[in-house]
């Protein structure tokens, strides 16, 4: 079994990563709302950052 302290540290890191992604998505969507519809920009940036986050997570698991 893995070290519980390491798992907690990974969980906290992932949580901070998710919160940071939400902030970045909202900032980018706010900046781009004049160009495209706000709902579309939020969905677009959310999909992009979620994809990047999952890719980084799977790379770390290897």
N, C-alpha and C. Protein backbone atom coordinates (compact mmCIF):
# COMPACT_ATOMS: atom_id res chain seq x y z
N UNK A 1 0.85 -1.20 0.00
CA UNK A 1 0.00 0.00 0.00
C UNK A 1 0.88 1.24 0.00
N UNK A 2 0.38 2.27 -0.66
CA UNK A 2 1.14 3.50 -0.74
C UNK A 2 1.16 4.22 0.60
N UNK A 3 2.11 5.12 0.72
CA UNK A 3 2.24 5.92 1.93
C UNK A 3 1.04 6.87 2.06
N UNK A 4 0.28 6.81 3.17
CA UNK A 4 -0.91 7.66 3.33
C UNK A 4 -0.58 9.16 3.29
N UNK A 5 0.56 9.55 3.86
CA UNK A 5 0.92 10.97 3.85
C UNK A 5 1.17 11.45 2.43
N UNK A 6 1.78 10.58 1.61
CA UNK A 6 2.02 10.95 0.21
C UNK A 6 0.69 11.09 -0.54
N UNK A 7 -0.26 10.19 -0.25
CA UNK A 7 -1.56 10.28 -0.90
C UNK A 7 -2.29 11.56 -0.51
N UNK A 8 -2.20 11.95 0.75
CA UNK A 8 -2.83 13.20 1.20
C UNK A 8 -2.18 14.39 0.52
N UNK A 9 -0.86 14.37 0.41
CA UNK A 9 -0.15 15.46 -0.27
C UNK A 9 -0.56 15.55 -1.74
N UNK A 10 -0.70 14.40 -2.40
CA UNK A 10 -1.14 14.39 -3.80
C UNK A 10 -2.56 14.92 -3.91
N UNK A 11 -3.42 14.53 -2.97
CA UNK A 11 -4.82 15.00 -2.99
C UNK A 11 -4.88 16.51 -2.84
N UNK A 12 -4.11 17.06 -1.90
CA UNK A 12 -4.10 18.51 -1.68
C UNK A 12 -3.56 19.23 -2.91
N UNK A 13 -2.51 18.68 -3.50
CA UNK A 13 -1.95 19.27 -4.72
C UNK A 13 -2.97 19.27 -5.85
N UNK A 14 -3.68 18.16 -6.02
CA UNK A 14 -4.70 18.09 -7.07
C UNK A 14 -5.84 19.06 -6.79
N UNK A 15 -6.22 19.20 -5.52
CA UNK A 15 -7.28 20.13 -5.16
C UNK A 15 -6.88 21.56 -5.49
N UNK A 16 -5.65 21.92 -5.16
CA UNK A 16 -5.16 23.27 -5.49
C UNK A 16 -5.11 23.46 -7.01
N UNK A 17 -4.73 22.42 -7.71
CA UNK A 17 -4.68 22.47 -9.18
C UNK A 17 -6.08 22.72 -9.74
N UNK A 18 -7.07 22.02 -9.23
CA UNK A 18 -8.45 22.20 -9.69
C UNK A 18 -8.94 23.61 -9.39
N UNK A 19 -8.69 24.11 -8.17
CA UNK A 19 -9.11 25.46 -7.82
C UNK A 19 -8.42 26.50 -8.69
N UNK A 20 -7.14 26.29 -8.94
CA UNK A 20 -6.41 27.20 -9.82
C UNK A 20 -6.96 27.18 -11.23
N UNK A 21 -7.33 25.99 -11.72
CA UNK A 21 -7.91 25.89 -13.05
C UNK A 21 -9.25 26.62 -13.13
N UNK A 22 -10.06 26.51 -12.07
CA UNK A 22 -11.35 27.21 -12.06
C UNK A 22 -11.14 28.71 -12.14
N UNK A 23 -10.18 29.22 -11.37
CA UNK A 23 -9.89 30.66 -11.39
C UNK A 23 -9.43 31.10 -12.78
N UNK A 24 -8.52 30.32 -13.38
CA UNK A 24 -8.01 30.66 -14.72
C UNK A 24 -9.13 30.61 -15.75
N UNK A 25 -9.99 29.59 -15.66
CA UNK A 25 -11.11 29.47 -16.60
C UNK A 25 -12.02 30.69 -16.49
N UNK A 26 -12.34 31.09 -15.27
CA UNK A 26 -13.23 32.24 -15.09
C UNK A 26 -12.58 33.53 -15.58
N UNK A 27 -11.28 33.69 -15.32
CA UNK A 27 -10.58 34.89 -15.81
C UNK A 27 -10.56 34.95 -17.33
N UNK A 28 -10.19 33.83 -17.96
CA UNK A 28 -10.14 33.80 -19.42
C UNK A 28 -11.52 33.99 -20.03
N UNK A 29 -12.53 33.38 -19.42
CA UNK A 29 -13.90 33.53 -19.93
C UNK A 29 -14.35 34.99 -19.80
N UNK A 30 -13.95 35.64 -18.72
CA UNK A 30 -14.31 37.05 -18.53
C UNK A 30 -13.62 37.92 -19.58
N UNK A 31 -12.36 37.61 -19.87
CA UNK A 31 -11.63 38.39 -20.87
C UNK A 31 -12.20 38.18 -22.27
N UNK A 32 -12.71 36.98 -22.54
CA UNK A 32 -13.17 36.65 -23.89
C UNK A 32 -14.66 36.85 -24.08
N UNK A 33 -15.36 37.31 -23.07
CA UNK A 33 -16.82 37.38 -23.20
C UNK A 33 -17.27 38.43 -24.21
N UNK A 34 -16.39 39.40 -24.51
CA UNK A 34 -16.75 40.39 -25.52
C UNK A 34 -16.63 39.81 -26.92
N UNK A 35 -15.80 38.78 -27.08
CA UNK A 35 -15.56 38.20 -28.40
C UNK A 35 -16.63 37.15 -28.72
N UNK A 36 -16.87 36.24 -27.76
CA UNK A 36 -17.86 35.18 -27.98
C UNK A 36 -18.86 35.18 -26.82
N UNK A 37 -19.88 34.36 -26.95
CA UNK A 37 -20.89 34.23 -25.90
C UNK A 37 -20.24 33.74 -24.60
N UNK A 38 -20.56 34.36 -23.45
CA UNK A 38 -19.91 33.98 -22.18
C UNK A 38 -20.05 32.50 -21.83
N UNK A 39 -21.23 31.93 -22.06
CA UNK A 39 -21.43 30.51 -21.72
C UNK A 39 -20.53 29.61 -22.56
N UNK A 40 -20.39 29.93 -23.83
CA UNK A 40 -19.55 29.13 -24.72
C UNK A 40 -18.08 29.23 -24.28
N UNK A 41 -17.64 30.44 -23.91
CA UNK A 41 -16.24 30.60 -23.53
C UNK A 41 -15.93 29.85 -22.24
N UNK A 42 -16.87 29.86 -21.27
CA UNK A 42 -16.64 29.13 -20.01
C UNK A 42 -16.55 27.63 -20.30
N UNK A 43 -17.46 27.11 -21.12
CA UNK A 43 -17.45 25.67 -21.43
C UNK A 43 -16.16 25.30 -22.18
N UNK A 44 -15.78 26.14 -23.14
CA UNK A 44 -14.59 25.87 -23.93
C UNK A 44 -13.34 25.81 -23.06
N UNK A 45 -13.13 26.83 -22.23
CA UNK A 45 -11.94 26.84 -21.38
C UNK A 45 -11.99 25.73 -20.33
N UNK A 46 -13.18 25.41 -19.83
CA UNK A 46 -13.29 24.32 -18.86
C UNK A 46 -12.87 22.99 -19.48
N UNK A 47 -13.31 22.74 -20.71
CA UNK A 47 -12.94 21.50 -21.40
C UNK A 47 -11.43 21.44 -21.62
N UNK A 48 -10.86 22.55 -22.08
CA UNK A 48 -9.42 22.58 -22.36
C UNK A 48 -8.61 22.32 -21.09
N UNK A 49 -8.92 23.04 -20.02
CA UNK A 49 -8.14 22.89 -18.80
C UNK A 49 -8.37 21.54 -18.12
N UNK A 50 -9.58 21.00 -18.23
CA UNK A 50 -9.83 19.67 -17.67
C UNK A 50 -9.02 18.62 -18.41
N UNK A 51 -8.95 18.75 -19.74
CA UNK A 51 -8.15 17.82 -20.54
C UNK A 51 -6.68 17.89 -20.15
N UNK A 52 -6.16 19.10 -20.02
CA UNK A 52 -4.76 19.27 -19.62
C UNK A 52 -4.51 18.68 -18.24
N UNK A 53 -5.44 18.91 -17.31
CA UNK A 53 -5.28 18.42 -15.94
C UNK A 53 -5.25 16.88 -15.92
N UNK A 54 -6.18 16.24 -16.64
CA UNK A 54 -6.21 14.79 -16.66
C UNK A 54 -4.97 14.22 -17.33
N UNK A 55 -4.50 14.87 -18.40
CA UNK A 55 -3.29 14.41 -19.08
C UNK A 55 -2.09 14.48 -18.13
N UNK A 56 -1.97 15.61 -17.40
CA UNK A 56 -0.87 15.76 -16.46
C UNK A 56 -0.96 14.73 -15.34
N UNK A 57 -2.17 14.45 -14.87
CA UNK A 57 -2.36 13.47 -13.81
C UNK A 57 -1.93 12.08 -14.28
N UNK A 58 -2.33 11.70 -15.49
CA UNK A 58 -1.97 10.38 -15.99
C UNK A 58 -0.47 10.28 -16.28
N UNK A 59 0.14 11.36 -16.69
CA UNK A 59 1.60 11.36 -16.89
C UNK A 59 2.32 11.15 -15.57
N UNK A 60 1.79 11.74 -14.50
CA UNK A 60 2.42 11.61 -13.19
C UNK A 60 2.26 10.20 -12.64
N UNK A 61 1.16 9.54 -12.98
CA UNK A 61 0.91 8.19 -12.47
C UNK A 61 1.83 7.15 -13.09
N UNK A 62 2.41 7.45 -14.23
CA UNK A 62 3.27 6.46 -14.92
C UNK A 62 4.54 6.21 -14.14
